[in-house]
């Protein structure tokens, strides 16, 4: 809830770390240890760092937002709280009588996940890696451009002289 109600974007990103860590905790409760650690490494480790770099490179305003008032935050907090309570009740009711069979085949193990990724999903996996590489190269190129180089790109004169 603090991800969307915090007024500072950097603080919201740090609260996103806490939220994604809680999702990894849910994966641990479901006996999917590998998926939990992948969640921590990829989302918490990479995506949040990418968001922080994007905030810093784009010179986005990181302070309090002028349009974010208590009149808007309070309804959002109430709705978020109701959704959290509904989710909690659903999880407790859904898992009340469920027992995890520890002797069964491990679904979230590294072996099963690796076999699925590299046999069935190898082409989408490689396409995604090329896409991420292109995004990384594009970010490096954009970060190396100076501010006045960006000002001269396809900006027609608005004012008359």
N, C-alpha and C. Protein backbone atom coordinates (compact mmCIF):
# COMPACT_ATOMS: atom_id res chain seq x y z
N UNK A 1 0.83 -1.18 0.00
CA UNK A 1 0.00 0.00 0.00
C UNK A 1 0.88 1.25 0.00
N UNK A 2 2.02 1.18 0.65
CA UNK A 2 2.89 2.34 0.69
C UNK A 2 3.57 2.62 -0.65
N UNK A 3 3.60 1.64 -1.55
CA UNK A 3 4.18 1.86 -2.87
C UNK A 3 3.40 2.92 -3.62
N UNK A 4 2.09 2.90 -3.50
CA UNK A 4 1.26 3.83 -4.26
C UNK A 4 0.86 5.06 -3.46
N UNK A 5 1.07 5.07 -2.16
CA UNK A 5 0.66 6.23 -1.36
C UNK A 5 1.82 7.09 -0.91
N UNK A 6 3.05 6.60 -1.02
CA UNK A 6 4.21 7.40 -0.62
C UNK A 6 4.40 8.54 -1.61
N UNK A 7 4.71 9.71 -1.11
CA UNK A 7 4.83 10.88 -1.97
C UNK A 7 6.19 10.98 -2.65
N UNK A 8 7.19 10.31 -2.14
CA UNK A 8 8.53 10.36 -2.72
C UNK A 8 8.72 9.12 -3.60
N UNK A 9 9.13 9.32 -4.87
CA UNK A 9 9.25 8.20 -5.80
C UNK A 9 10.35 7.22 -5.39
N UNK A 10 11.43 7.72 -4.84
CA UNK A 10 12.51 6.82 -4.40
C UNK A 10 12.02 5.97 -3.23
N UNK A 11 11.30 6.56 -2.31
CA UNK A 11 10.74 5.79 -1.20
C UNK A 11 9.72 4.76 -1.70
N UNK A 12 8.93 5.14 -2.71
CA UNK A 12 7.97 4.20 -3.29
C UNK A 12 8.69 3.01 -3.91
N UNK A 13 9.82 3.26 -4.55
CA UNK A 13 10.61 2.17 -5.13
C UNK A 13 11.16 1.28 -4.03
N UNK A 14 11.59 1.85 -2.94
CA UNK A 14 12.10 1.03 -1.84
C UNK A 14 10.98 0.22 -1.18
N UNK A 15 9.78 0.78 -1.12
CA UNK A 15 8.65 0.00 -0.61
C UNK A 15 8.29 -1.13 -1.58
N UNK A 16 8.57 -0.91 -2.88
CA UNK A 16 8.37 -1.99 -3.85
C UNK A 16 9.30 -3.16 -3.56
N UNK A 17 10.51 -2.87 -3.07
CA UNK A 17 11.44 -3.93 -2.66
C UNK A 17 10.79 -4.77 -1.55
N UNK A 18 10.18 -4.11 -0.58
CA UNK A 18 9.54 -4.83 0.52
C UNK A 18 8.38 -5.68 0.00
N UNK A 19 7.59 -5.12 -0.91
CA UNK A 19 6.45 -5.85 -1.46
C UNK A 19 6.91 -7.08 -2.24
N UNK A 20 7.92 -6.92 -3.08
CA UNK A 20 8.41 -8.06 -3.86
C UNK A 20 9.08 -9.09 -2.96
N UNK A 21 9.69 -8.65 -1.87
CA UNK A 21 10.22 -9.59 -0.89
C UNK A 21 9.12 -10.39 -0.23
N UNK A 22 7.98 -9.76 0.02
CA UNK A 22 6.84 -10.48 0.59
C UNK A 22 6.30 -11.51 -0.39
N UNK A 23 6.30 -11.18 -1.68
CA UNK A 23 5.88 -12.16 -2.68
C UNK A 23 6.82 -13.36 -2.68
N UNK A 24 8.12 -13.10 -2.53
CA UNK A 24 9.08 -14.21 -2.42
C UNK A 24 8.79 -15.05 -1.19
N UNK A 25 8.37 -14.41 -0.11
CA UNK A 25 7.99 -15.15 1.09
C UNK A 25 6.79 -16.05 0.85
N UNK A 26 5.84 -15.59 0.05
CA UNK A 26 4.69 -16.42 -0.30
C UNK A 26 5.14 -17.64 -1.10
N UNK A 27 6.09 -17.43 -2.01
CA UNK A 27 6.63 -18.58 -2.76
C UNK A 27 7.31 -19.57 -1.83
N UNK A 28 8.00 -19.07 -0.82
CA UNK A 28 8.62 -19.98 0.14
C UNK A 28 7.57 -20.77 0.91
N UNK A 29 6.46 -20.13 1.25
CA UNK A 29 5.38 -20.84 1.93
C UNK A 29 4.76 -21.92 1.05
N UNK A 30 4.82 -21.73 -0.25
CA UNK A 30 4.27 -22.71 -1.18
C UNK A 30 5.30 -23.77 -1.58
N UNK A 31 6.43 -23.81 -0.88
CA UNK A 31 7.51 -24.79 -1.10
C UNK A 31 8.13 -24.67 -2.48
N UNK A 32 8.19 -23.47 -3.03
CA UNK A 32 8.85 -23.22 -4.31
C UNK A 32 10.07 -22.35 -4.03
N UNK A 33 11.09 -22.96 -3.45
CA UNK A 33 12.26 -22.21 -3.02
C UNK A 33 12.99 -21.57 -4.20
N UNK A 34 13.14 -22.31 -5.29
CA UNK A 34 13.86 -21.77 -6.44
C UNK A 34 13.15 -20.55 -7.01
N UNK A 35 11.84 -20.63 -7.13
CA UNK A 35 11.07 -19.50 -7.66
C UNK A 35 11.18 -18.30 -6.71
N UNK A 36 11.22 -18.56 -5.42
CA UNK A 36 11.37 -17.47 -4.45
C UNK A 36 12.70 -16.76 -4.62
N UNK A 37 13.78 -17.52 -4.79
CA UNK A 37 15.09 -16.88 -4.94
C UNK A 37 15.24 -16.20 -6.29
N UNK A 38 14.60 -16.75 -7.31
CA UNK A 38 14.59 -16.06 -8.61
C UNK A 38 13.82 -14.76 -8.49
N UNK A 39 12.73 -14.77 -7.74
CA UNK A 39 11.96 -13.54 -7.48
C UNK A 39 12.85 -12.49 -6.83
N UNK A 40 13.61 -12.90 -5.84
CA UNK A 40 14.49 -11.95 -5.15
C UNK A 40 15.57 -11.44 -6.08
N UNK A 41 16.22 -12.34 -6.81
CA UNK A 41 17.33 -11.93 -7.67
C UNK A 41 16.87 -11.06 -8.83
N UNK A 42 15.81 -11.47 -9.51
CA UNK A 42 15.40 -10.75 -10.72
C UNK A 42 14.60 -9.50 -10.38
N UNK A 43 13.54 -9.65 -9.61
CA UNK A 43 12.70 -8.49 -9.37
C UNK A 43 13.31 -7.53 -8.37
N UNK A 44 13.70 -8.03 -7.22
CA UNK A 44 14.24 -7.14 -6.20
C UNK A 44 15.62 -6.65 -6.62
N UNK A 45 16.44 -7.54 -7.15
CA UNK A 45 17.80 -7.17 -7.49
C UNK A 45 17.92 -6.37 -8.76
N UNK A 46 17.19 -6.73 -9.79
CA UNK A 46 17.40 -6.10 -11.09
C UNK A 46 16.35 -5.05 -11.42
N UNK A 47 15.09 -5.38 -11.28
CA UNK A 47 14.04 -4.46 -11.70
C UNK A 47 14.02 -3.20 -10.84
N UNK A 48 14.18 -3.36 -9.54
CA UNK A 48 14.15 -2.19 -8.67
C UNK A 48 15.37 -1.31 -8.90
N UNK A 49 16.53 -1.92 -9.12
CA UNK A 49 17.72 -1.13 -9.45
C UNK A 49 17.52 -0.41 -10.77
N UNK A 50 16.90 -1.08 -11.74
CA UNK A 50 16.59 -0.44 -13.02
C UNK A 50 15.65 0.75 -12.82
N UNK A 51 14.64 0.60 -11.97
CA UNK A 51 13.74 1.72 -11.69
C UNK A 51 14.47 2.89 -11.03
N UNK A 52 15.35 2.58 -10.09
CA UNK A 52 16.10 3.65 -9.44
C UNK A 52 17.01 4.37 -10.43
N UNK A 53 17.69 3.62 -11.31
CA UNK A 53 18.52 4.25 -12.33
C UNK A 53 17.67 5.08 -13.29
N UNK A 54 16.50 4.58 -13.66
CA UNK A 54 15.62 5.34 -14.56
C UNK A 54 15.18 6.65 -13.90
N UNK A 55 14.87 6.61 -12.62
CA UNK A 55 14.49 7.83 -11.92
C UNK A 55 15.64 8.83 -11.89
N UNK A 56 16.85 8.32 -11.69
CA UNK A 56 17.99 9.22 -11.59
C UNK A 56 18.44 9.74 -12.95
N UNK A 57 18.37 8.91 -14.00
CA UNK A 57 18.82 9.33 -15.32
C UNK A 57 17.84 10.27 -16.00
N UNK A 58 16.56 10.12 -15.74
CA UNK A 58 15.58 10.97 -16.41
C UNK A 58 15.32 12.27 -15.66
N UNK A 59 15.96 12.45 -14.55
CA UNK A 59 15.77 13.65 -13.72
C UNK A 59 14.30 13.83 -13.36
N UNK A 60 13.65 12.73 -13.07
CA UNK A 60 12.24 12.77 -12.67
C UNK A 60 12.14 13.44 -11.30
N UNK A 61 11.05 14.15 -11.06
CA UNK A 61 10.89 14.75 -9.74
C UNK A 61 10.72 13.67 -8.68
N UNK A 62 11.54 13.74 -7.64
CA UNK A 62 11.50 12.71 -6.61
C UNK A 62 10.86 13.21 -5.33
N UNK A 63 10.50 14.45 -5.28
CA UNK A 63 9.90 15.00 -4.07
C UNK A 63 8.40 14.79 -4.04
N UNK A 64 7.75 15.44 -3.10
CA UNK A 64 6.29 15.32 -3.00
C UNK A 64 5.62 15.85 -4.27
N UNK A 65 4.59 15.16 -4.70
CA UNK A 65 3.85 15.56 -5.90
C UNK A 65 2.76 16.55 -5.50
N UNK A 66 2.60 17.65 -6.25
CA UNK A 66 1.62 18.66 -5.85
C UNK A 66 0.18 18.19 -5.94
N UNK A 67 -0.16 17.29 -6.85
CA UNK A 67 -1.55 16.85 -6.99
C UNK A 67 -1.95 15.77 -6.01
N UNK A 68 -1.01 15.27 -5.22
CA UNK A 68 -1.29 14.18 -4.30
C UNK A 68 -1.69 14.78 -2.96
N UNK A 69 -2.99 14.82 -2.70
CA UNK A 69 -3.50 15.42 -1.47
C UNK A 69 -4.10 14.34 -0.59
N UNK A 70 -4.40 14.71 0.63
CA UNK A 70 -5.00 13.76 1.57
C UNK A 70 -6.37 13.30 1.09
N UNK A 71 -7.05 14.15 0.34
CA UNK A 71 -8.37 13.78 -0.19
C UNK A 71 -8.26 12.64 -1.20
N UNK A 72 -7.11 12.52 -1.86
CA UNK A 72 -6.91 11.43 -2.81
C UNK A 72 -6.24 10.22 -2.16
N UNK A 73 -5.41 10.46 -1.17
CA UNK A 73 -4.67 9.37 -0.54
C UNK A 73 -5.59 8.54 0.34
N UNK A 74 -6.49 9.17 1.06
CA UNK A 74 -7.36 8.44 1.99
C UNK A 74 -8.25 7.41 1.29
N UNK A 75 -8.95 7.76 0.20
CA UNK A 75 -9.74 6.71 -0.48
C UNK A 75 -8.86 5.58 -1.03
N UNK A 76 -7.68 5.93 -1.54
CA UNK A 76 -6.78 4.89 -2.06
C UNK A 76 -6.32 3.98 -0.94
N UNK A 77 -6.05 4.54 0.23
CA UNK A 77 -5.62 3.73 1.37
C UNK A 77 -6.75 2.82 1.86
N UNK A 78 -7.97 3.34 1.86
CA UNK A 78 -9.12 2.53 2.30
C UNK A 78 -9.35 1.37 1.33
N UNK A 79 -9.32 1.65 0.04
CA UNK A 79 -9.51 0.59 -0.96
C UNK A 79 -8.38 -0.43 -0.86
N UNK A 80 -7.15 0.03 -0.71
CA UNK A 80 -6.01 -0.89 -0.58
C UNK A 80 -6.14 -1.75 0.66
N UNK A 81 -6.59 -1.17 1.76
CA UNK A 81 -6.78 -1.94 2.99
C UNK A 81 -7.87 -2.99 2.83
N UNK A 82 -8.97 -2.62 2.17
CA UNK A 82 -10.04 -3.59 1.93
C UNK A 82 -9.58 -4.73 1.03
N UNK A 83 -8.81 -4.40 0.00
CA UNK A 83 -8.28 -5.45 -0.88
C UNK A 83 -7.32 -6.36 -0.11
N UNK A 84 -6.50 -5.79 0.77
CA UNK A 84 -5.58 -6.60 1.58
C UNK A 84 -6.34 -7.54 2.51
N UNK A 85 -7.39 -7.03 3.14
CA UNK A 85 -8.20 -7.88 4.03
C UNK A 85 -8.88 -8.98 3.22
N UNK A 86 -9.44 -8.65 2.07
CA UNK A 86 -10.08 -9.64 1.21
C UNK A 86 -9.08 -10.70 0.76
N UNK A 87 -7.89 -10.28 0.40
CA UNK A 87 -6.85 -11.23 0.00
C UNK A 87 -6.44 -12.13 1.16
N UNK A 88 -6.30 -11.55 2.33
CA UNK A 88 -5.95 -12.35 3.51
C UNK A 88 -7.01 -13.37 3.85
N UNK A 89 -8.27 -12.96 3.82
CA UNK A 89 -9.37 -13.90 4.10
C UNK A 89 -9.41 -15.00 3.05
N UNK A 90 -9.19 -14.65 1.80
CA UNK A 90 -9.20 -15.65 0.73
C UNK A 90 -8.07 -16.66 0.90
N UNK A 91 -6.88 -16.18 1.23
CA UNK A 91 -5.74 -17.09 1.42
C UNK A 91 -5.97 -18.00 2.61
N UNK A 92 -6.44 -17.45 3.72
CA UNK A 92 -6.68 -18.27 4.91
C UNK A 92 -7.77 -19.30 4.64
N UNK A 93 -8.86 -18.88 3.98
CA UNK A 93 -9.94 -19.82 3.68
C UNK A 93 -9.51 -20.88 2.66
N UNK A 94 -8.70 -20.47 1.69
CA UNK A 94 -8.28 -21.41 0.66
C UNK A 94 -7.26 -22.43 1.13
N UNK A 95 -6.40 -22.05 2.06
CA UNK A 95 -5.35 -22.94 2.53
C UNK A 95 -5.63 -23.51 3.92
N UNK A 96 -6.86 -23.41 4.39
CA UNK A 96 -7.18 -23.86 5.74
C UNK A 96 -6.91 -25.34 5.94
N UNK A 97 -7.34 -26.16 5.02
CA UNK A 97 -7.19 -27.61 5.16
C UNK A 97 -6.12 -28.20 4.25
N UNK A 98 -5.35 -27.37 3.60
CA UNK A 98 -4.36 -27.86 2.64
C UNK A 98 -3.07 -28.21 3.36
N UNK A 99 -2.55 -29.36 3.04
CA UNK A 99 -1.25 -29.80 3.56
C UNK A 99 -0.33 -30.04 2.38
N UNK A 100 0.90 -29.60 2.48
CA UNK A 100 1.86 -29.79 1.41
C UNK A 100 2.52 -31.15 1.58
N UNK A 101 2.47 -31.95 0.52
CA UNK A 101 3.11 -33.27 0.53
C UNK A 101 4.58 -33.09 0.17
N UNK A 102 5.45 -33.22 1.14
CA UNK A 102 6.87 -32.99 0.91
C UNK A 102 7.54 -34.14 0.17
N UNK A 103 6.89 -35.29 0.07
CA UNK A 103 7.46 -36.42 -0.65
C UNK A 103 7.09 -36.43 -2.13
N UNK A 104 6.21 -35.56 -2.54
CA UNK A 104 5.78 -35.51 -3.94
C UNK A 104 6.87 -34.86 -4.79
N UNK A 105 6.70 -34.92 -6.11
CA UNK A 105 7.65 -34.30 -7.03
C UNK A 105 7.67 -32.79 -6.80
N UNK A 106 8.85 -32.24 -6.76
CA UNK A 106 9.01 -30.82 -6.47
C UNK A 106 8.75 -30.03 -7.75
N UNK A 107 7.71 -29.21 -7.74
CA UNK A 107 7.32 -28.46 -8.92
C UNK A 107 8.19 -27.22 -9.09
N UNK A 108 8.53 -26.54 -8.03
CA UNK A 108 9.30 -25.31 -8.12
C UNK A 108 10.79 -25.51 -8.01
N UNK A 109 11.29 -26.71 -8.26
CA UNK A 109 12.71 -26.97 -8.10
C UNK A 109 13.49 -26.41 -9.29
N UNK A 110 14.78 -26.29 -9.12
CA UNK A 110 15.64 -25.78 -10.19
C UNK A 110 15.67 -26.73 -11.37
N UNK A 111 15.62 -28.02 -11.10
CA UNK A 111 15.67 -29.01 -12.19
C UNK A 111 14.44 -28.91 -13.08
N UNK A 112 13.27 -28.88 -12.48
CA UNK A 112 12.02 -28.81 -13.26
C UNK A 112 11.92 -27.48 -13.98
N UNK A 113 12.27 -26.39 -13.32
CA UNK A 113 12.20 -25.07 -13.94
C UNK A 113 13.18 -24.96 -15.09
N UNK A 114 14.41 -25.43 -14.89
CA UNK A 114 15.41 -25.38 -15.96
C UNK A 114 15.01 -26.22 -17.15
N UNK A 115 14.46 -27.38 -16.90
CA UNK A 115 14.02 -28.24 -18.00
C UNK A 115 12.89 -27.58 -18.78
N UNK A 116 11.98 -26.93 -18.10
CA UNK A 116 10.88 -26.25 -18.77
C UNK A 116 11.37 -25.07 -19.59
N UNK A 117 12.26 -24.27 -19.00
CA UNK A 117 12.74 -23.07 -19.68
C UNK A 117 13.57 -23.43 -20.90
N UNK A 118 14.47 -24.38 -20.77
CA UNK A 118 15.42 -24.64 -21.84
C UNK A 118 14.99 -25.72 -22.82
N UNK A 119 13.86 -26.35 -22.62
CA UNK A 119 13.34 -27.29 -23.61
C UNK A 119 12.11 -26.72 -24.29
N UNK A 120 11.14 -26.31 -23.51
CA UNK A 120 9.87 -25.88 -24.08
C UNK A 120 9.89 -24.40 -24.46
N UNK A 121 10.53 -23.57 -23.67
CA UNK A 121 10.47 -22.12 -23.85
C UNK A 121 11.81 -21.53 -24.27
N UNK A 122 12.65 -22.27 -24.99
CA UNK A 122 13.98 -21.78 -25.31
C UNK A 122 13.93 -20.59 -26.28
N UNK A 123 13.07 -20.61 -27.28
CA UNK A 123 13.00 -19.50 -28.23
C UNK A 123 12.51 -18.21 -27.58
N UNK A 124 11.39 -18.21 -26.84
CA UNK A 124 11.00 -16.97 -26.15
C UNK A 124 12.05 -16.49 -25.15
N UNK A 125 12.74 -17.41 -24.52
CA UNK A 125 13.80 -17.05 -23.57
C UNK A 125 14.93 -16.31 -24.28
N UNK A 126 15.34 -16.79 -25.45
CA UNK A 126 16.41 -16.14 -26.20
C UNK A 126 15.95 -14.80 -26.79
N UNK A 127 14.70 -14.73 -27.25
CA UNK A 127 14.18 -13.46 -27.76
C UNK A 127 14.15 -12.42 -26.64
N UNK A 128 13.76 -12.84 -25.46
CA UNK A 128 13.75 -11.93 -24.31
C UNK A 128 15.16 -11.46 -23.97
N UNK A 129 16.14 -12.34 -24.06
CA UNK A 129 17.51 -11.94 -23.75
C UNK A 129 18.02 -10.92 -24.77
N UNK A 130 17.68 -11.08 -26.06
CA UNK A 130 18.08 -10.10 -27.08
C UNK A 130 17.37 -8.77 -26.83
N UNK A 131 16.10 -8.82 -26.45
CA UNK A 131 15.35 -7.60 -26.15
C UNK A 131 15.96 -6.85 -24.97
N UNK A 132 16.32 -7.58 -23.92
CA UNK A 132 16.96 -6.94 -22.77
C UNK A 132 18.32 -6.37 -23.12
N UNK A 133 19.07 -7.06 -23.99
CA UNK A 133 20.36 -6.54 -24.43
C UNK A 133 20.17 -5.24 -25.22
N UNK A 134 19.17 -5.20 -26.10
CA UNK A 134 18.90 -3.98 -26.87
C UNK A 134 18.49 -2.83 -25.95
N UNK A 135 17.69 -3.13 -24.92
CA UNK A 135 17.30 -2.09 -23.97
C UNK A 135 18.50 -1.58 -23.19
N UNK A 136 19.41 -2.47 -22.84
CA UNK A 136 20.62 -2.06 -22.12
C UNK A 136 21.50 -1.17 -22.99
N UNK A 137 21.69 -1.55 -24.26
CA UNK A 137 22.50 -0.73 -25.16
C UNK A 137 21.83 0.62 -25.38
N UNK A 138 20.52 0.64 -25.55
CA UNK A 138 19.80 1.90 -25.71
C UNK A 138 19.93 2.80 -24.49
N UNK A 139 19.87 2.22 -23.30
CA UNK A 139 20.03 3.01 -22.08
C UNK A 139 21.43 3.59 -21.98
N UNK A 140 22.43 2.82 -22.39
CA UNK A 140 23.81 3.33 -22.35
C UNK A 140 23.98 4.47 -23.34
N UNK A 141 23.43 4.32 -24.55
CA UNK A 141 23.54 5.38 -25.56
C UNK A 141 22.83 6.64 -25.07
N UNK A 142 21.63 6.50 -24.52
CA UNK A 142 20.90 7.67 -24.04
C UNK A 142 21.59 8.34 -22.86
N UNK A 143 22.22 7.55 -22.01
CA UNK A 143 22.88 8.15 -20.85
C UNK A 143 24.16 8.87 -21.24
N UNK A 144 24.76 8.50 -22.37
CA UNK A 144 26.00 9.15 -22.80
C UNK A 144 25.75 10.44 -23.58
N UNK A 145 24.53 10.63 -24.07
CA UNK A 145 24.21 11.88 -24.77
C UNK A 145 24.19 13.02 -23.78
N UNK A 146 24.74 14.14 -24.20
CA UNK A 146 24.70 15.31 -23.32
C UNK A 146 23.33 15.96 -23.42
N UNK A 147 23.02 16.79 -22.45
CA UNK A 147 21.72 17.45 -22.41
C UNK A 147 21.45 18.32 -23.63
N UNK A 148 22.48 19.06 -24.13
CA UNK A 148 22.24 19.91 -25.29
C UNK A 148 22.15 19.10 -26.58
N UNK A 149 22.68 17.89 -26.62
CA UNK A 149 22.48 17.03 -27.78
C UNK A 149 21.02 16.59 -27.86
N UNK A 150 20.41 16.35 -26.73
CA UNK A 150 19.00 15.95 -26.71
C UNK A 150 18.09 17.10 -27.10
N UNK A 151 18.51 18.35 -26.82
CA UNK A 151 17.66 19.49 -27.14
C UNK A 151 17.56 19.72 -28.64
N UNK A 152 18.54 19.28 -29.43
CA UNK A 152 18.52 19.53 -30.86
C UNK A 152 17.84 18.46 -31.68
N UNK A 153 17.24 17.48 -31.07
CA UNK A 153 16.64 16.36 -31.81
C UNK A 153 15.19 16.66 -32.13
N UNK A 154 14.89 16.91 -33.41
CA UNK A 154 13.52 17.02 -33.92
C UNK A 154 12.60 17.89 -33.08
N UNK A 155 13.06 19.03 -32.67
CA UNK A 155 12.20 19.95 -31.94
C UNK A 155 11.99 21.19 -32.81
N UNK A 156 10.84 21.34 -33.44
CA UNK A 156 10.61 22.54 -34.25
C UNK A 156 10.49 23.77 -33.35
N UNK A 157 10.80 24.91 -33.92
CA UNK A 157 10.68 26.16 -33.16
C UNK A 157 9.21 26.42 -32.88
N UNK A 158 8.91 26.61 -31.61
CA UNK A 158 7.53 26.86 -31.21
C UNK A 158 7.22 28.35 -31.28
N UNK A 159 8.12 29.14 -30.74
CA UNK A 159 7.90 30.58 -30.71
C UNK A 159 8.38 31.23 -32.00
N UNK A 160 7.83 32.36 -32.33
CA UNK A 160 8.25 33.09 -33.52
C UNK A 160 9.22 34.19 -33.16
N UNK A 161 10.07 34.57 -34.13
CA UNK A 161 11.03 35.64 -33.88
C UNK A 161 10.89 36.71 -34.91
